[in-house]
C-alpha atoms as a PDB file:
ATOM      1  CA  MET A   1       7.246  14.861 -10.489  1.00  0.00           C
ATOM      2  CA  THR A   2       7.685  11.301  -9.346  1.00  0.00           C
ATOM      3  CA  LEU A   3       9.368  10.687  -6.005  1.00  0.00           C
ATOM      4  CA  THR A   4      12.308   8.415  -6.396  1.00  0.00           C
ATOM      5  CA  PHE A   5      14.123   6.503  -3.656  1.00  0.00           C
ATOM      6  CA  LEU A   6      17.290   8.256  -4.753  1.00  0.00           C
ATOM      7  CA  ASP A   7      15.467  11.669  -3.943  1.00  0.00           C
ATOM      8  CA  LEU A   8      14.246  10.353  -0.593  1.00  0.00           C
ATOM      9  CA  TYR A   9      17.442   9.108   0.348  1.00  0.00           C
ATOM     10  CA  ASN A  10      19.568  12.297  -0.267  1.00  0.00           C
ATOM     11  CA  THR A  11      16.845  14.405   1.301  1.00  0.00           C
ATOM     12  CA  CYS A  12      17.153  12.325   4.381  1.00  0.00           C
ATOM     13  CA  ALA A  13      20.782  12.135   4.466  1.00  0.00           C
ATOM     14  CA  SER A  14      20.996  16.052   4.234  1.00  0.00           C
ATOM     15  CA  GLN A  15      19.158  16.427   7.478  1.00  0.00           C
ATOM     16  CA  GLU A  16      20.752  18.143  10.469  1.00  0.00           C
ATOM     17  CA  TRP A  17      22.490  15.647  12.594  1.00  0.00           C
ATOM     18  CA  SER A  18      22.490  13.041  10.060  1.00  0.00           C
ATOM     19  CA  MET A  19      25.459  10.837   9.661  1.00  0.00           C
ATOM     20  CA  TYR A  20      25.371  10.071   5.984  1.00  0.00           C
ATOM     21  CA  ASP A  21      26.488  11.647   2.792  1.00  0.00           C
ATOM     22  CA  ASN A  22      23.831  13.345   0.923  1.00  0.00           C
ATOM     23  CA  ASP A  23      25.360  13.311  -2.597  1.00  0.00           C
ATOM     24  CA  ALA A  24      24.501   9.881  -3.707  1.00  0.00           C
ATOM     25  CA  THR A  25      23.936   9.399  -7.367  1.00  0.00           C
ATOM     26  CA  LYS A  26      23.429   5.627  -7.889  1.00  0.00           C
ATOM     27  CA  THR A  27      22.324   2.550  -5.928  1.00  0.00           C
ATOM     28  CA  ASP A  28      25.950   1.580  -4.976  1.00  0.00           C
ATOM     29  CA  GLU A  29      26.586   4.744  -3.081  1.00  0.00           C
ATOM     30  CA  PHE A  30      23.587   3.963  -0.575  1.00  0.00           C
ATOM     31  CA  GLU A  31      24.478   3.231   3.054  1.00  0.00           C
ATOM     32  CA  ASN A  32      22.832   0.044   3.895  1.00  0.00           C
ATOM     33  CA  SER A  33      21.837   1.194   7.272  1.00  0.00           C
ATOM     34  CA  LEU A  34      19.831   4.158   6.139  1.00  0.00           C
ATOM     35  CA  VAL A  35      18.103   1.905   3.363  1.00  0.00           C
ATOM     36  CA  ILE A  36      16.659  -0.116   6.034  1.00  0.00           C
ATOM     37  CA  ASP A  37      15.552   2.900   8.229  1.00  0.00           C
ATOM     38  CA  LEU A  38      13.909   4.431   5.307  1.00  0.00           C
ATOM     39  CA  ASN A  39      12.024   1.299   4.409  1.00  0.00           C
ATOM     40  CA  LYS A  40      10.775   0.805   7.946  1.00  0.00           C
ATOM     41  CA  ALA A  41       9.645   4.391   8.216  1.00  0.00           C
ATOM     42  CA  ILE A  42       7.989   3.978   4.850  1.00  0.00           C
ATOM     43  CA  THR A  43       6.059   0.640   5.654  1.00  0.00           C
ATOM     44  CA  GLU A  44       5.164   2.019   9.299  1.00  0.00           C
ATOM     45  CA  ILE A  45       3.290   4.838   7.768  1.00  0.00           C
ATOM     46  CA  LEU A  46       1.813   3.262   4.598  1.00  0.00           C
ATOM     47  CA  TYR A  47       0.571   0.165   6.572  1.00  0.00           C
ATOM     48  CA  SER A  48      -0.721   2.156   9.485  1.00  0.00           C
ATOM     49  CA  TYR A  49      -3.767   3.767   7.686  1.00  0.00           C
ATOM     50  CA  PRO A  50      -5.931   2.447   4.838  1.00  0.00           C
ATOM     51  CA  PHE A  51      -4.839   5.386   2.447  1.00  0.00           C
ATOM     52  CA  SER A  52      -7.465   5.657  -0.485  1.00  0.00           C
ATOM     53  CA  PHE A  53      -4.443   5.971  -2.929  1.00  0.00           C
ATOM     54  CA  ARG A  54      -3.464   2.349  -2.048  1.00  0.00           C
ATOM     55  CA  GLU A  55      -6.701   1.053  -3.281  1.00  0.00           C
ATOM     56  CA  ARG A  56      -6.518  -1.209  -6.333  1.00  0.00           C
ATOM     57  CA  THR A  57      -8.785  -3.455  -8.391  1.00  0.00           C
ATOM     58  CA  HIS A  58      -7.691  -7.061  -9.139  1.00  0.00           C
ATOM     59  CA  ILE A  59      -9.390  -8.456 -12.181  1.00  0.00           C
ATOM     60  CA  ILE A  60      -9.811 -12.357 -12.734  1.00  0.00           C
ATOM     61  CA  PHE A  61     -11.004 -13.818 -15.875  1.00  0.00           C
ATOM     62  CA  THR A  62     -12.211 -17.297 -15.066  1.00  0.00           C
ATOM     63  CA  ILE A  63     -11.663 -20.468 -16.950  1.00  0.00           C
ATOM     64  CA  PRO A  64     -14.044 -23.411 -17.250  1.00  0.00           C
ATOM     65  CA  LYS A  65     -13.799 -25.948 -14.733  1.00  0.00           C
ATOM     66  CA  ILE A  66     -10.959 -24.118 -12.724  1.00  0.00           C
ATOM     67  CA  LYS A  67     -12.043 -22.985  -9.211  1.00  0.00           C
ATOM     68  CA  SER A  68      -8.799 -21.604  -7.786  1.00  0.00           C
ATOM     69  CA  TYR A  69      -7.048 -18.256  -8.666  1.00  0.00           C
ATOM     70  CA  ASP A  70      -4.392 -16.043  -7.226  1.00  0.00           C
ATOM     71  CA  ILE A  71      -5.375 -13.330  -4.665  1.00  0.00           C
ATOM     72  CA  PRO A  72      -4.120  -9.834  -5.030  1.00  0.00           C
ATOM     73  CA  LYS A  73      -0.981  -8.944  -2.640  1.00  0.00           C
ATOM     74  CA  GLY A  74      -2.890  -6.719  -0.147  1.00  0.00           C
ATOM     75  CA  LEU A  75      -5.796  -6.632   2.091  1.00  0.00           C
ATOM     76  CA  ILE A  76      -9.311  -7.206   0.452  1.00  0.00           C
ATOM     77  CA  LEU A  77     -11.747  -4.386   1.149  1.00  0.00           C
ATOM     78  CA  LYS A  78     -14.881  -4.799   3.202  1.00  0.00           C
ATOM     79  CA  ASP A  79     -18.019  -2.541   3.449  1.00  0.00           C
ATOM     80  CA  LYS A  80     -19.546  -1.475   6.719  1.00  0.00           C
ATOM     81  CA  GLN A  81     -21.385  -4.850   7.023  1.00  0.00           C
ATOM     82  CA  GLY A  82     -18.241  -6.695   6.751  1.00  0.00           C
ATOM     83  CA  VAL A  83     -18.964  -8.011   3.267  1.00  0.00           C
ATOM     84  CA  CYS A  84     -15.842  -8.316   1.030  1.00  0.00           C
ATOM     85  CA  SER A  85     -15.642  -6.424  -2.167  1.00  0.00           C
ATOM     86  CA  ILE A  86     -15.385  -9.500  -4.448  1.00  0.00           C
ATOM     87  CA  LYS A  87     -17.766  -9.470  -7.260  1.00  0.00           C
ATOM     88  CA  ILE A  88     -18.765 -11.530 -10.332  1.00  0.00           C
ATOM     89  CA  ASN A  89     -20.193  -9.569 -13.183  1.00  0.00           C
ATOM     90  CA  GLY A  90     -20.924  -6.541 -10.635  1.00  0.00           C
ATOM     91  CA  ARG A  91     -22.615  -8.989  -8.031  1.00  0.00           C
ATOM     92  CA  ASN A  92     -21.175  -9.592  -4.639  1.00  0.00           C
ATOM     93  CA  LEU A  93     -19.921 -13.183  -3.808  1.00  0.00           C
ATOM     94  CA  LYS A  94     -20.719 -14.538  -0.357  1.00  0.00           C
ATOM     95  CA  LEU A  95     -17.920 -15.724   1.924  1.00  0.00           C
ATOM     96  CA  ILE A  96     -18.509 -19.509   2.509  1.00  0.00           C
ATOM     97  CA  SER A  97     -17.542 -20.236   6.194  1.00  0.00           C
ATOM     98  CA  ASN A  98     -17.332 -24.063   6.038  1.00  0.00           C
ATOM     99  CA  PRO A  99     -16.236 -25.063   2.517  1.00  0.00           C
ATOM    100  CA  PHE A 100     -15.425 -28.626   3.499  1.00  0.00           C
ATOM    101  CA  SER A 101     -19.160 -29.440   3.316  1.00  0.00           C
ATOM    102  CA  LEU A 102     -19.465 -28.287  -0.253  1.00  0.00           C
ATOM    103  CA  GLU A 103     -20.319 -30.632  -3.152  1.00  0.00           C
ATOM    104  CA  ASP A 104     -18.536 -30.389  -6.353  1.00  0.00           C
ATOM    105  CA  LYS A 105     -20.454 -28.797  -9.066  1.00  0.00           C
ATOM    106  CA  LEU A 106     -20.265 -26.417 -11.985  1.00  0.00           C
ATOM    107  CA  GLY A 107     -22.305 -23.270 -12.351  1.00  0.00           C
ATOM    108  CA  ILE A 108     -22.147 -19.391 -11.918  1.00  0.00           C
ATOM    109  CA  PRO A 109     -20.116 -18.859  -8.763  1.00  0.00           C
ATOM    110  CA  TYR A 110     -22.091 -17.230  -5.851  1.00  0.00           C
ATOM    111  CA  GLY A 111     -19.672 -17.749  -3.158  1.00  0.00           C
ATOM    112  CA  PHE A 112     -15.962 -17.812  -2.350  1.00  0.00           C
ATOM    113  CA  TYR A 113     -13.435 -18.841   0.200  1.00  0.00           C
ATOM    114  CA  ILE A 114      -9.799 -18.408   0.904  1.00  0.00           C
ATOM    115  CA  ARG A 115      -7.207 -21.348   0.889  1.00  0.00           C
ATOM    116  CA  GLY A 116      -3.739 -20.144   1.450  1.00  0.00           C
ATOM    117  CA  SER A 117      -2.942 -17.644  -1.304  1.00  0.00           C
ATOM    118  CA  LYS A 118      -5.846 -18.850  -3.494  1.00  0.00           C
ATOM    119  CA  LEU A 119      -9.186 -17.493  -4.045  1.00  0.00           C
ATOM    120  CA  VAL A 120     -11.582 -20.462  -4.613  1.00  0.00           C
ATOM    121  CA  LEU A 121     -14.854 -19.922  -6.197  1.00  0.00           C
ATOM    122  CA  TYR A 122     -18.009 -21.894  -5.822  1.00  0.00           C
ATOM    123  CA  PRO A 123     -19.696 -23.467  -7.659  1.00  0.00           C
ATOM    124  CA  THR A 124     -16.584 -23.987  -9.942  1.00  0.00           C
ATOM    125  CA  PRO A 125     -17.198 -21.637 -13.039  1.00  0.00           C
ATOM    126  CA  SER A 126     -18.764 -23.374 -16.098  1.00  0.00           C
ATOM    127  CA  GLU A 127     -17.817 -20.753 -18.285  1.00  0.00           C
ATOM    128  CA  LYS A 128     -15.859 -17.382 -18.617  1.00  0.00           C
ATOM    129  CA  PHE A 129     -16.779 -14.852 -16.030  1.00  0.00           C
ATOM    130  CA  ILE A 130     -15.097 -11.746 -14.644  1.00  0.00           C
ATOM    131  CA  VAL A 131     -14.448 -11.466 -11.072  1.00  0.00           C
ATOM    132  CA  THR A 132     -13.209  -8.143  -9.499  1.00  0.00           C
ATOM    133  CA  VAL A 133     -11.389  -8.023  -6.090  1.00  0.00           C
ATOM    134  CA  ASP A 134     -11.005  -4.477  -4.489  1.00  0.00           C
ATOM    135  CA  TYR A 135      -8.232  -4.404  -2.117  1.00  0.00           C
ATOM    136  CA  ILE A 136      -5.250  -2.271  -0.439  1.00  0.00           C
ATOM    137  CA  THR A 137      -2.041  -3.044  -2.010  1.00  0.00           C
ATOM    138  CA  LEU A 138       0.982  -3.770   0.217  1.00  0.00           C
ATOM    139  CA  ALA A 139       3.228  -2.800  -2.357  1.00  0.00           C
ATOM    140  CA  VAL A 140       5.258   0.462  -1.543  1.00  0.00           C
ATOM    141  CA  GLY A 141       6.439   1.276  -4.974  1.00  0.00           C
ATOM    142  CA  GLU A 142       7.553   0.123  -8.493  1.00  0.00           C
ATOM    143  CA  ASN A 143      10.818  -0.596 -10.094  1.00  0.00           C
ATOM    144  CA  SER A 144      12.118   0.570 -13.222  1.00  0.00           C
ATOM    145  CA  ALA A 145      10.288  -2.329 -14.973  1.00  0.00           C
ATOM    146  CA  SER A 146       6.790  -0.921 -13.489  1.00  0.00           C
ATOM    147  CA  GLU A 147       6.688  -4.169 -11.527  1.00  0.00           C
ATOM    148  CA  GLU A 148       5.265  -3.631  -7.834  1.00  0.00           C
ATOM    149  CA  ILE A 149       7.621  -3.880  -5.150  1.00  0.00           C
ATOM    150  CA  PHE A 150       7.541  -4.320  -1.387  1.00  0.00           C
ATOM    151  CA  THR A 151      10.869  -2.876  -0.356  1.00  0.00           C
ATOM    152  CA  LEU A 152      12.757   0.145  -1.881  1.00  0.00           C
ATOM    153  CA  LYS A 153      16.527  -0.574  -2.691  1.00  0.00           C
ATOM    154  CA  ASN A 154      17.460   1.012  -6.279  1.00  0.00           C
ATOM    155  CA  ALA A 155      17.995   4.633  -6.831  1.00  0.00           C
ATOM    156  CA  ASP A 156      15.138   4.783  -9.537  1.00  0.00           C
ATOM    157  CA  ASP A 157      12.707   2.856  -7.605  1.00  0.00           C
ATOM    158  CA  ILE A 158       9.607   5.041  -7.272  1.00  0.00           C
ATOM    159  CA  ILE A 159       6.939   5.228  -4.408  1.00  0.00           C
ATOM    160  CA  LEU A 160       3.466   4.913  -5.012  1.00  0.00           C
ATOM    161  CA  VAL A 161       2.072   8.319  -3.773  1.00  0.00           C
ATOM    162  CA  PRO A 162      -0.054  10.858  -5.650  1.00  0.00           C
ATOM    163  CA  GLU A 163       2.004  13.798  -6.799  1.00  0.00           C
ATOM    164  CA  TYR A 164       0.090  16.122  -4.531  1.00  0.00           C
ATOM    165  CA  LEU A 165       0.901  14.117  -1.473  1.00  0.00           C
ATOM    166  CA  GLU A 166       4.546  13.598  -2.276  1.00  0.00           C
ATOM    167  CA  GLU A 167       5.991  16.403  -0.195  1.00  0.00           C
ATOM    168  CA  MET A 168       3.723  15.519   2.926  1.00  0.00           C
ATOM    169  CA  PHE A 169       4.759  11.903   2.551  1.00  0.00           C
ATOM    170  CA  LYS A 170       8.529  12.852   2.108  1.00  0.00           C
ATOM    171  CA  ASN A 171       8.368  15.087   5.204  1.00  0.00           C
ATOM    172  CA  ALA A 172       6.641  12.241   7.201  1.00  0.00           C
ATOM    173  CA  VAL A 173       9.162   9.459   6.246  1.00  0.00           C
ATOM    174  CA  ILE A 174      12.217  11.560   6.791  1.00  0.00           C
ATOM    175  CA  SER A 175      11.120  12.644  10.322  1.00  0.00           C
ATOM    176  CA  ARG A 176       9.954   9.177  11.213  1.00  0.00           C
ATOM    177  CA  THR A 177      13.420   7.897   9.980  1.00  0.00           C
ATOM    178  CA  MET A 178      15.147  10.414  11.939  1.00  0.00           C
ATOM    179  CA  LEU A 179      13.087   9.694  14.985  1.00  0.00           C
ATOM    180  CA  ASN A 180      13.588   6.001  14.745  1.00  0.00           C
ATOM    181  CA  SER A 181      17.380   6.277  14.469  1.00  0.00           C
ATOM    182  CA  ILE A 182      17.728   8.148  17.779  1.00  0.00           C
ATOM    183  CA  SER A 183      18.371   5.551  20.395  1.00  0.00           C
ATOM    184  CA  SER A 184      17.327   7.410  23.579  1.00  0.00           C
ATOM    185  CA  GLU A 185      14.439   9.532  24.230  1.00  0.00           C
ATOM    186  CA  SER A 186      16.523  11.709  26.570  1.00  0.00           C
ATOM    187  CA  ASP A 187      18.369  12.842  23.399  1.00  0.00           C
ATOM    188  CA  GLU A 188      18.015  16.597  22.826  1.00  0.00           C
ATOM    189  CA  ASN A 189      16.700  16.087  19.298  1.00  0.00           C
ATOM    190  CA  TYR A 190      14.261  13.318  20.143  1.00  0.00           C
ATOM    191  CA  SER A 191      11.282  15.755  21.140  1.00  0.00           C
ATOM    192  CA  ALA A 192      11.630  17.702  17.982  1.00  0.00           C
ATOM    193  CA  TYR A 193      11.663  14.834  15.415  1.00  0.00           C
ATOM    194  CA  LYS A 194       8.663  13.334  17.555  1.00  0.00           C
ATOM    195  CA  LYS A 195       6.692  16.481  17.231  1.00  0.00           C
ATOM    196  CA  GLN A 196       7.543  16.817  13.454  1.00  0.00           C
ATOM    197  CA  SER A 197       6.872  13.192  12.829  1.00  0.00           C
ATOM    198  CA  GLU A 198       3.380  13.411  14.522  1.00  0.00           C
ATOM    199  CA  THR A 199       2.571  16.697  12.620  1.00  0.00           C
ATOM    200  CA  TYR A 200       3.406  15.490   9.236  1.00  0.00           C
ATOM    201  CA  TYR A 201       1.638  12.144   9.644  1.00  0.00           C
ATOM    202  CA  LYS A 202      -1.497  13.874  10.618  1.00  0.00           C
ATOM    203  CA  GLN A 203      -1.342  16.144   7.508  1.00  0.00           C
ATOM    204  CA  LEU A 204      -0.754  13.201   5.358  1.00  0.00           C
ATOM    205  CA  VAL A 205      -3.910  11.344   6.668  1.00  0.00           C
ATOM    206  CA  LYS A 206      -5.979  14.470   6.542  1.00  0.00           C
ATOM    207  CA  TYR A 207      -5.232  15.501   3.047  1.00  0.00           C
ATOM    208  CA  SER A 208      -5.051  11.947   1.538  1.00  0.00           C
ATOM    209  CA  LYS A 209      -8.944  11.995   2.376  1.00  0.00           C
ATOM    210  CA  GLY A 210      -9.626  14.614  -0.336  1.00  0.00           C
ATOM    211  CA  VAL A 211     -11.243  17.917   0.068  1.00  0.00           C
ATOM    212  CA  VAL A 212     -15.079  18.250   0.596  1.00  0.00           C
ATOM    213  CA  VAL A 213     -16.329  20.708  -2.069  1.00  0.00           C
ATOM    214  CA  ASP A 214     -19.092  23.186  -1.173  1.00  0.00           C
ATOM    215  CA  LYS A 215     -21.627  22.603  -4.034  1.00  0.00           C
ATOM    216  CA  VAL A 216     -23.682  25.674  -3.395  1.00  0.00           C
ATOM    217  CA  VAL A 217     -22.658  28.357  -5.634  1.00  0.00           C
ATOM    218  CA  LYS A 218     -22.455  31.702  -4.156  1.00  0.00           C
ATOM    219  CA  ILE A 219     -22.922  34.917  -6.357  1.00  0.00           C
END
């Protein structure tokens, strides 16, 4: 099963106290206000926690005498010591804090710095190397052309969530959307959706971490 935006839209529209029709079959039938509210809830949830299913590896094939390359659209991962997960042939590159003092030279890169949306390698690669960048994607889904997207708008857009988490994610998004749509905390429905939102979010975080397997075999 793949969670589509159409499925999410109609499920949310069918909730009690929802003001929207829940029988949409195509993008043209979407209510813009609900599309906005759903996207807000999705980004609030996905960007609030470094879910492991959002981890990706960006691969760069260097070109001799070219030092700048596009960085991935996301947050570069760091280890507990704060070292960025940017590697060349499996070896970590060091962050250069003062790149303005560097002399131009060719060689095997051992360092890097970020300039705008570019990853700059130092020294400039003298030959072809493989650089990997581990990061957390900011994309929330994919369109019908399998391209990453950062907001959902079409009925057949899919959400980048593992199948076993789809139902939890759907529940978290719907309850958050309904909660955000209630303008007053004094509304009789506010506390119920607030409790649902917190519960589903905690479940999503808990089960996205995986299950610790007991390796002891008991007979």
